[in-house]
PDB file of N, CA and C in Angstrom:
ATOM      1  N   MET A   1     117.489  92.119  89.082  1.00  0.00           N
ATOM      2  CA  MET A   1     117.907  93.367  89.682  1.00  0.00           C
ATOM      3  C   MET A   1     119.425  93.477  89.537  1.00  0.00           C
ATOM      4  N   LYS A   2     119.858  94.597  89.130  1.00  0.00           N
ATOM      5  CA  LYS A   2     121.272  94.822  88.837  1.00  0.00           C
ATOM      6  C   LYS A   2     122.160  94.716  90.078  1.00  0.00           C
ATOM      7  N   ILE A   3     121.684  95.154  91.224  1.00  0.00           N
ATOM      8  CA  ILE A   3     122.473  95.106  92.455  1.00  0.00           C
ATOM      9  C   ILE A   3     122.709  93.658  92.870  1.00  0.00           C
ATOM     10  N   LYS A   4     121.706  92.802  92.696  1.00  0.00           N
ATOM     11  CA  LYS A   4     121.862  91.393  93.051  1.00  0.00           C
ATOM     12  C   LYS A   4     122.894  90.704  92.180  1.00  0.00           C
ATOM     13  N   ASP A   5     123.055  91.147  90.951  1.00  0.00           N
ATOM     14  CA  ASP A   5     124.052  90.561  90.057  1.00  0.00           C
ATOM     15  C   ASP A   5     125.468  91.006  90.405  1.00  0.00           C
ATOM     16  N   GLU A   6     125.621  92.179  90.977  1.00  0.00           N
ATOM     17  CA  GLU A   6     126.944  92.756  91.215  1.00  0.00           C
ATOM     18  C   GLU A   6     127.492  92.529  92.622  1.00  0.00           C
ATOM     19  N   TYR A   7     126.629  92.230  93.586  1.00  0.00           N
ATOM     20  CA  TYR A   7     127.072  92.104  94.976  1.00  0.00           C
ATOM     21  C   TYR A   7     126.665  90.742  95.549  1.00  0.00           C
ATOM     22  N   ASN A   8     127.381  90.327  96.588  1.00  0.00           N
ATOM     23  CA  ASN A   8     127.055  89.091  97.300  1.00  0.00           C
ATOM     24  C   ASN A   8     125.714  89.247  98.008  1.00  0.00           C
ATOM     25  N   PRO A   9     124.997  88.133  98.233  1.00  0.00           N
ATOM     26  CA  PRO A   9     123.716  88.216  98.937  1.00  0.00           C
ATOM     27  C   PRO A   9     123.817  88.847 100.319  1.00  0.00           C
ATOM     28  N   SER A  10     124.952  88.683 100.990  1.00  0.00           N
ATOM     29  CA  SER A  10     125.078  89.264 102.332  1.00  0.00           C
ATOM     30  C   SER A  10     125.005  90.785 102.304  1.00  0.00           C
ATOM     31  N   VAL A  11     125.337  91.410 101.176  1.00  0.00           N
ATOM     32  CA  VAL A  11     125.295  92.873 101.079  1.00  0.00           C
ATOM     33  C   VAL A  11     123.864  93.372 101.019  1.00  0.00           C
ATOM     34  N   TYR A  12     123.012  92.748 100.218  1.00  0.00           N
ATOM     35  CA  TYR A  12     121.652  93.266 100.076  1.00  0.00           C
ATOM     36  C   TYR A  12     120.636  92.591 100.994  1.00  0.00           C
ATOM     37  N   LEU A  13     121.052  91.582 101.758  1.00  0.00           N
ATOM     38  CA  LEU A  13     120.136  90.950 102.704  1.00  0.00           C
ATOM     39  C   LEU A  13     120.344  91.408 104.146  1.00  0.00           C
ATOM     40  N   ILE A  14     121.514  91.924 104.464  1.00  0.00           N
ATOM     41  CA  ILE A  14     121.811  92.395 105.822  1.00  0.00           C
ATOM     42  C   ILE A  14     121.874  93.921 105.792  1.00  0.00           C
ATOM     43  N   ARG A  15     120.990  94.543 106.556  1.00  0.00           N
ATOM     44  CA  ARG A  15     120.849  96.000 106.497  1.00  0.00           C
ATOM     45  C   ARG A  15     122.141  96.743 106.829  1.00  0.00           C
ATOM     46  N   GLU A  16     122.872  96.286 107.828  1.00  0.00           N
ATOM     47  CA  GLU A  16     124.102  96.971 108.214  1.00  0.00           C
ATOM     48  C   GLU A  16     125.151  96.893 107.106  1.00  0.00           C
ATOM     49  N   ARG A  17     125.235  95.747 106.451  1.00  0.00           N
ATOM     50  CA  ARG A  17     126.188  95.592 105.349  1.00  0.00           C
ATOM     51  C   ARG A  17     125.765  96.436 104.151  1.00  0.00           C
ATOM     52  N   MET A  18     124.449  96.526 103.923  1.00  0.00           N
ATOM     53  CA  MET A  18     123.945  97.343 102.825  1.00  0.00           C
ATOM     54  C   MET A  18     124.279  98.814 103.063  1.00  0.00           C
ATOM     55  N   GLN A  19     124.074  99.271 104.291  1.00  0.00           N
ATOM     56  CA  GLN A  19     124.368 100.668 104.609  1.00  0.00           C
ATOM     57  C   GLN A  19     125.863 100.956 104.475  1.00  0.00           C
ATOM     58  N   LYS A  20     126.707 100.034 104.932  1.00  0.00           N
ATOM     59  CA  LYS A  20     128.146 100.244 104.886  1.00  0.00           C
ATOM     60  C   LYS A  20     128.680 100.164 103.456  1.00  0.00           C
ATOM     61  N   THR A  21     128.209  99.200 102.663  1.00  0.00           N
ATOM     62  CA  THR A  21     128.734  98.974 101.314  1.00  0.00           C
ATOM     63  C   THR A  21     128.107  99.894 100.274  1.00  0.00           C
ATOM     64  N   LEU A  22     126.768  99.986 100.296  1.00  0.00           N
ATOM     65  CA  LEU A  22     126.061 100.749  99.271  1.00  0.00           C
ATOM     66  C   LEU A  22     125.702 102.166  99.701  1.00  0.00           C
ATOM     67  N   GLY A  23     125.660 102.429 101.002  1.00  0.00           N
ATOM     68  CA  GLY A  23     125.373 103.764 101.493  1.00  0.00           C
ATOM     69  C   GLY A  23     123.899 104.050 101.707  1.00  0.00           C
ATOM     70  N   PHE A  24     123.044 103.038 101.588  1.00  0.00           N
ATOM     71  CA  PHE A  24     121.610 103.251 101.802  1.00  0.00           C
ATOM     72  C   PHE A  24     120.971 102.003 102.396  1.00  0.00           C
ATOM     73  N   ILE A  25     119.749 102.192 102.889  1.00  0.00           N
ATOM     74  CA  ILE A  25     118.916 101.104 103.385  1.00  0.00           C
ATOM     75  C   ILE A  25     117.592 101.188 102.644  1.00  0.00           C
ATOM     76  N   VAL A  26     117.052 100.033 102.286  1.00  0.00           N
ATOM     77  CA  VAL A  26     115.779  99.965 101.565  1.00  0.00           C
ATOM     78  C   VAL A  26     114.640  99.957 102.571  1.00  0.00           C
ATOM     79  N   ARG A  27     113.628 100.776 102.308  1.00  0.00           N
ATOM     80  CA  ARG A  27     112.414 100.820 103.133  1.00  0.00           C
ATOM     81  C   ARG A  27     111.212 100.655 102.216  1.00  0.00           C
ATOM     82  N   ARG A  28     110.387  99.651 102.494  1.00  0.00           N
ATOM     83  CA  ARG A  28     109.180  99.400 101.684  1.00  0.00           C
ATOM     84  C   ARG A  28     107.968  99.999 102.394  1.00  0.00           C
ATOM     85  N   HIS A  29     107.050 100.533 101.600  1.00  0.00           N
ATOM     86  CA  HIS A  29     105.875 101.204 102.163  1.00  0.00           C
ATOM     87  C   HIS A  29     104.640 100.777 101.387  1.00  0.00           C
ATOM     88  N   GLN A  30     103.550 100.502 102.109  1.00  0.00           N
ATOM     89  CA  GLN A  30     102.259 100.185 101.492  1.00  0.00           C
ATOM     90  C   GLN A  30     101.223 101.195 101.961  1.00  0.00           C
ATOM     91  N   GLU A  31     100.457 101.692 101.016  1.00  0.00           N
ATOM     92  CA  GLU A  31      99.391 102.648 101.322  1.00  0.00           C
ATOM     93  C   GLU A  31      98.090 102.121 100.738  1.00  0.00           C
ATOM     94  N   TRP A  32      97.037 102.081 101.549  1.00  0.00           N
ATOM     95  CA  TRP A  32      95.749 101.602 101.097  1.00  0.00           C
ATOM     96  C   TRP A  32      95.020 102.725 100.351  1.00  0.00           C
ATOM     97  N   ILE A  33      94.616 102.443  99.127  1.00  0.00           N
ATOM     98  CA  ILE A  33      93.878 103.391  98.309  1.00  0.00           C
ATOM     99  C   ILE A  33      92.436 102.898  98.227  1.00  0.00           C
ATOM    100  N   ASP A  34      91.520 103.683  98.763  1.00  0.00           N
ATOM    101  CA  ASP A  34      90.108 103.307  98.765  1.00  0.00           C
ATOM    102  C   ASP A  34      89.473 103.753  97.453  1.00  0.00           C
ATOM    103  N   ARG A  35      88.865 102.822  96.748  1.00  0.00           N
ATOM    104  CA  ARG A  35      88.275 103.118  95.442  1.00  0.00           C
ATOM    105  C   ARG A  35      86.804 102.705  95.395  1.00  0.00           C
ATOM    106  N   SER A  36      86.049 102.964  96.464  1.00  0.00           N
ATOM    107  CA  SER A  36      84.640 102.586  96.453  1.00  0.00           C
ATOM    108  C   SER A  36      83.897 103.393  95.394  1.00  0.00           C
ATOM    109  N   GLN A  37      83.051 102.717  94.648  1.00  0.00           N
ATOM    110  CA  GLN A  37      82.334 103.323  93.524  1.00  0.00           C
ATOM    111  C   GLN A  37      81.235 104.285  93.992  1.00  0.00           C
ATOM    112  N   THR A  38      80.398 103.817  94.875  1.00  0.00           N
ATOM    113  CA  THR A  38      79.297 104.648  95.359  1.00  0.00           C
ATOM    114  C   THR A  38      79.280 104.618  96.890  1.00  0.00           C
ATOM    115  N   PRO A  39      78.846 105.697  97.521  1.00  0.00           N
ATOM    116  CA  PRO A  39      78.764 105.698  98.982  1.00  0.00           C
ATOM    117  C   PRO A  39      77.812 104.608  99.479  1.00  0.00           C
ATOM    118  N   GLY A  40      78.216 103.884 100.497  1.00  0.00           N
ATOM    119  CA  GLY A  40      77.393 102.818 101.056  1.00  0.00           C
ATOM    120  C   GLY A  40      77.510 101.498 100.330  1.00  0.00           C
ATOM    121  N   ASP A  41      78.342 101.432  99.312  1.00  0.00           N
ATOM    122  CA  ASP A  41      78.525 100.194  98.564  1.00  0.00           C
ATOM    123  C   ASP A  41      79.313  99.196  99.410  1.00  0.00           C
ATOM    124  N   ASP A  42      78.889  97.941  99.446  1.00  0.00           N
ATOM    125  CA  ASP A  42      79.549  96.926 100.252  1.00  0.00           C
ATOM    126  C   ASP A  42      80.781  96.331  99.570  1.00  0.00           C
ATOM    127  N   LEU A  43      80.939  96.557  98.291  1.00  0.00           N
ATOM    128  CA  LEU A  43      82.095  96.008  97.596  1.00  0.00           C
ATOM    129  C   LEU A  43      83.350  96.772  97.967  1.00  0.00           C
ATOM    130  N   ASP A  44      84.391  96.045  98.276  1.00  0.00           N
ATOM    131  CA  ASP A  44      85.660  96.658  98.642  1.00  0.00           C
ATOM    132  C   ASP A  44      86.545  96.681  97.401  1.00  0.00           C
ATOM    133  N   LEU A  45      86.668  97.833  96.767  1.00  0.00           N
ATOM    134  CA  LEU A  45      87.406  97.934  95.516  1.00  0.00           C
ATOM    135  C   LEU A  45      88.728  98.668  95.689  1.00  0.00           C
ATOM    136  N   GLY A  46      89.267  98.639  96.891  1.00  0.00           N
ATOM    137  CA  GLY A  46      90.532  99.315  97.135  1.00  0.00           C
ATOM    138  C   GLY A  46      91.715  98.435  96.768  1.00  0.00           C
ATOM    139  N   TYR A  47      92.887  99.009  96.867  1.00  0.00           N
ATOM    140  CA  TYR A  47      94.114  98.280  96.573  1.00  0.00           C
ATOM    141  C   TYR A  47      95.272  98.908  97.345  1.00  0.00           C
ATOM    142  N   TYR A  48      96.350  98.146  97.458  1.00  0.00           N
ATOM    143  CA  TYR A  48      97.564  98.650  98.085  1.00  0.00           C
ATOM    144  C   TYR A  48      98.485  99.234  97.025  1.00  0.00           C
ATOM    145  N   LEU A  49      98.960 100.429  97.285  1.00  0.00           N
ATOM    146  CA  LEU A  49      99.969 101.048  96.448  1.00  0.00           C
ATOM    147  C   LEU A  49     101.311 100.836  97.142  1.00  0.00           C
ATOM    148  N   GLU A  50     102.169 100.034  96.511  1.00  0.00           N
ATOM    149  CA  GLU A  50     103.456  99.707  97.115  1.00  0.00           C
ATOM    150  C   GLU A  50     104.548 100.588  96.531  1.00  0.00           C
ATOM    151  N   SER A  51     105.422 101.069  97.404  1.00  0.00           N
ATOM    152  CA  SER A  51     106.547 101.881  96.948  1.00  0.00           C
ATOM    153  C   SER A  51     107.794 101.497  97.739  1.00  0.00           C
ATOM    154  N   VAL A  52     108.934 101.767  97.145  1.00  0.00           N
ATOM    155  CA  VAL A  52     110.218 101.467  97.756  1.00  0.00           C
ATOM    156  C   VAL A  52     110.964 102.783  97.922  1.00  0.00           C
ATOM    157  N   HIS A  53     111.500 103.011  99.112  1.00  0.00           N
ATOM    158  CA  HIS A  53     112.257 104.219  99.410  1.00  0.00           C
ATOM    159  C   HIS A  53     113.686 103.823  99.760  1.00  0.00           C
ATOM    160  N   LEU A  54     114.643 104.599  99.301  1.00  0.00           N
ATOM    161  CA  LEU A  54     116.041 104.384  99.648  1.00  0.00           C
ATOM    162  C   LEU A  54     116.473 105.500 100.587  1.00  0.00           C
ATOM    163  N   ASP A  55     116.874 105.121 101.799  1.00  0.00           N
ATOM    164  CA  ASP A  55     117.354 106.080 102.787  1.00  0.00           C
ATOM    165  C   ASP A  55     118.876 106.110 102.713  1.00  0.00           C
ATOM    166  N   PHE A  56     119.427 107.176 102.144  1.00  0.00           N
ATOM    167  CA  PHE A  56     120.879 107.301 101.964  1.00  0.00           C
ATOM    168  C   PHE A  56     121.524 107.884 103.208  1.00  0.00           C
ATOM    169  N   TYR A  57     122.724 107.384 103.526  1.00  0.00           N
ATOM    170  CA  TYR A  57     123.487 107.832 104.689  1.00  0.00           C
ATOM    171  C   TYR A  57     124.847 108.395 104.304  1.00  0.00           C
ATOM    172  N   ASP A  58     125.184 108.347 103.029  1.00  0.00           N
ATOM    173  CA  ASP A  58     126.487 108.796 102.566  1.00  0.00           C
ATOM    174  C   ASP A  58     126.285 109.544 101.244  1.00  0.00           C
ATOM    175  N   ASP A  59     126.619 110.836 101.212  1.00  0.00           N
ATOM    176  CA  ASP A  59     126.390 111.649 100.019  1.00  0.00           C
ATOM    177  C   ASP A  59     127.229 111.197  98.825  1.00  0.00           C
ATOM    178  N   THR A  60     128.448 110.758  99.084  1.00  0.00           N
ATOM    179  CA  THR A  60     129.304 110.292  97.998  1.00  0.00           C
ATOM    180  C   THR A  60     128.743 109.035  97.366  1.00  0.00           C
ATOM    181  N   LYS A  61     128.271 108.095  98.184  1.00  0.00           N
ATOM    182  CA  LYS A  61     127.691 106.861  97.665  1.00  0.00           C
ATOM    183  C   LYS A  61     126.345 107.123  96.998  1.00  0.00           C
ATOM    184  N   LYS A  62     125.613 108.128  97.455  1.00  0.00           N
ATOM    185  CA  LYS A  62     124.352 108.495  96.809  1.00  0.00           C
ATOM    186  C   LYS A  62     124.620 109.027  95.405  1.00  0.00           C
ATOM    187  N   THR A  63     125.616 109.877  95.255  1.00  0.00           N
ATOM    188  CA  THR A  63     125.976 110.406  93.938  1.00  0.00           C
ATOM    189  C   THR A  63     126.420 109.282  93.013  1.00  0.00           C
ATOM    190  N   TRP A  64     127.249 108.365  93.530  1.00  0.00           N
ATOM    191  CA  TRP A  64     127.711 107.230  92.731  1.00  0.00           C
ATOM    192  C   TRP A  64     126.534 106.361  92.299  1.00  0.00           C
ATOM    193  N   PHE A  65     125.576 106.106  93.205  1.00  0.00           N
ATOM    194  CA  PHE A  65     124.388 105.319  92.887  1.00  0.00           C
ATOM    195  C   PHE A  65     123.579 105.980  91.778  1.00  0.00           C
ATOM    196  N   LEU A  66     123.370 107.286  91.890  1.00  0.00           N
ATOM    197  CA  LEU A  66     122.587 108.005  90.876  1.00  0.00           C
ATOM    198  C   LEU A  66     123.272 107.987  89.510  1.00  0.00           C
ATOM    199  N   LEU A  67     124.574 108.111  89.481  1.00  0.00           N
ATOM    200  CA  LEU A  67     125.297 108.043  88.214  1.00  0.00           C
ATOM    201  C   LEU A  67     125.268 106.637  87.619  1.00  0.00           C
ATOM    202  N   LYS A  68     125.453 105.650  88.462  1.00  0.00           N
ATOM    203  CA  LYS A  68     125.554 104.262  87.990  1.00  0.00           C
ATOM    204  C   LYS A  68     124.210 103.707  87.521  1.00  0.00           C
ATOM    205  N   TYR A  69     123.127 104.037  88.207  1.00  0.00           N
ATOM    206  CA  TYR A  69     121.824 103.455  87.920  1.00  0.00           C
ATOM    207  C   TYR A  69     120.824 104.465  87.344  1.00  0.00           C
ATOM    208  N   SER A  70     121.298 105.563  86.790  1.00  0.00           N
ATOM    209  CA  SER A  70     120.383 106.577  86.261  1.00  0.00           C
ATOM    210  C   SER A  70     119.561 106.060  85.093  1.00  0.00           C
ATOM    211  N   ASP A  71     120.095 105.124  84.307  1.00  0.00           N
ATOM    212  CA  ASP A  71     119.321 104.578  83.194  1.00  0.00           C
ATOM    213  C   ASP A  71     118.113 103.783  83.689  1.00  0.00           C
ATOM    214  N   ILE A  72     118.257 103.092  84.810  1.00  0.00           N
ATOM    215  CA  ILE A  72     117.125 102.334  85.376  1.00  0.00           C
ATOM    216  C   ILE A  72     116.135 103.282  86.035  1.00  0.00           C
ATOM    217  N   ILE A  73     116.633 104.280  86.737  1.00  0.00           N
ATOM    218  CA  ILE A  73     115.757 105.233  87.428  1.00  0.00           C
ATOM    219  C   ILE A  73     114.919 106.011  86.415  1.00  0.00           C
ATOM    220  N   ASN A  74     115.513 106.433  85.330  1.00  0.00           N
ATOM    221  CA  ASN A  74     114.812 107.238  84.331  1.00  0.00           C
ATOM    222  C   ASN A  74     113.903 106.416  83.418  1.00  0.00           C
ATOM    223  N   SER A  75     114.000 105.089  83.441  1.00  0.00           N
ATOM    224  CA  SER A  75     113.188 104.275  82.554  1.00  0.00           C
ATOM    225  C   SER A  75     111.731 104.215  82.989  1.00  0.00           C
ATOM    226  N   ASP A  76     111.445 104.487  84.265  1.00  0.00           N
ATOM    227  CA  ASP A  76     110.061 104.462  84.755  1.00  0.00           C
ATOM    228  C   ASP A  76     109.441 105.777  84.484  1.00  0.00           C
TER     229      ASP A  76
END
């Protein structure tokens, strides 16, 4: 991860330092997706869909983040 290479561990491991230095806090979310094949089937074929959300608190730092990491964001 590019942020881990550029900043000390205390920046990305401590939420308050992350918010102050980078301008955002990371929030992880899991959503259960039910994929049962037929009604009444006992097999559990669901899975968790994991996503990461960035909650920005500073518009200037958000703009800087988007400019700096746009190549990674657009690669997905």
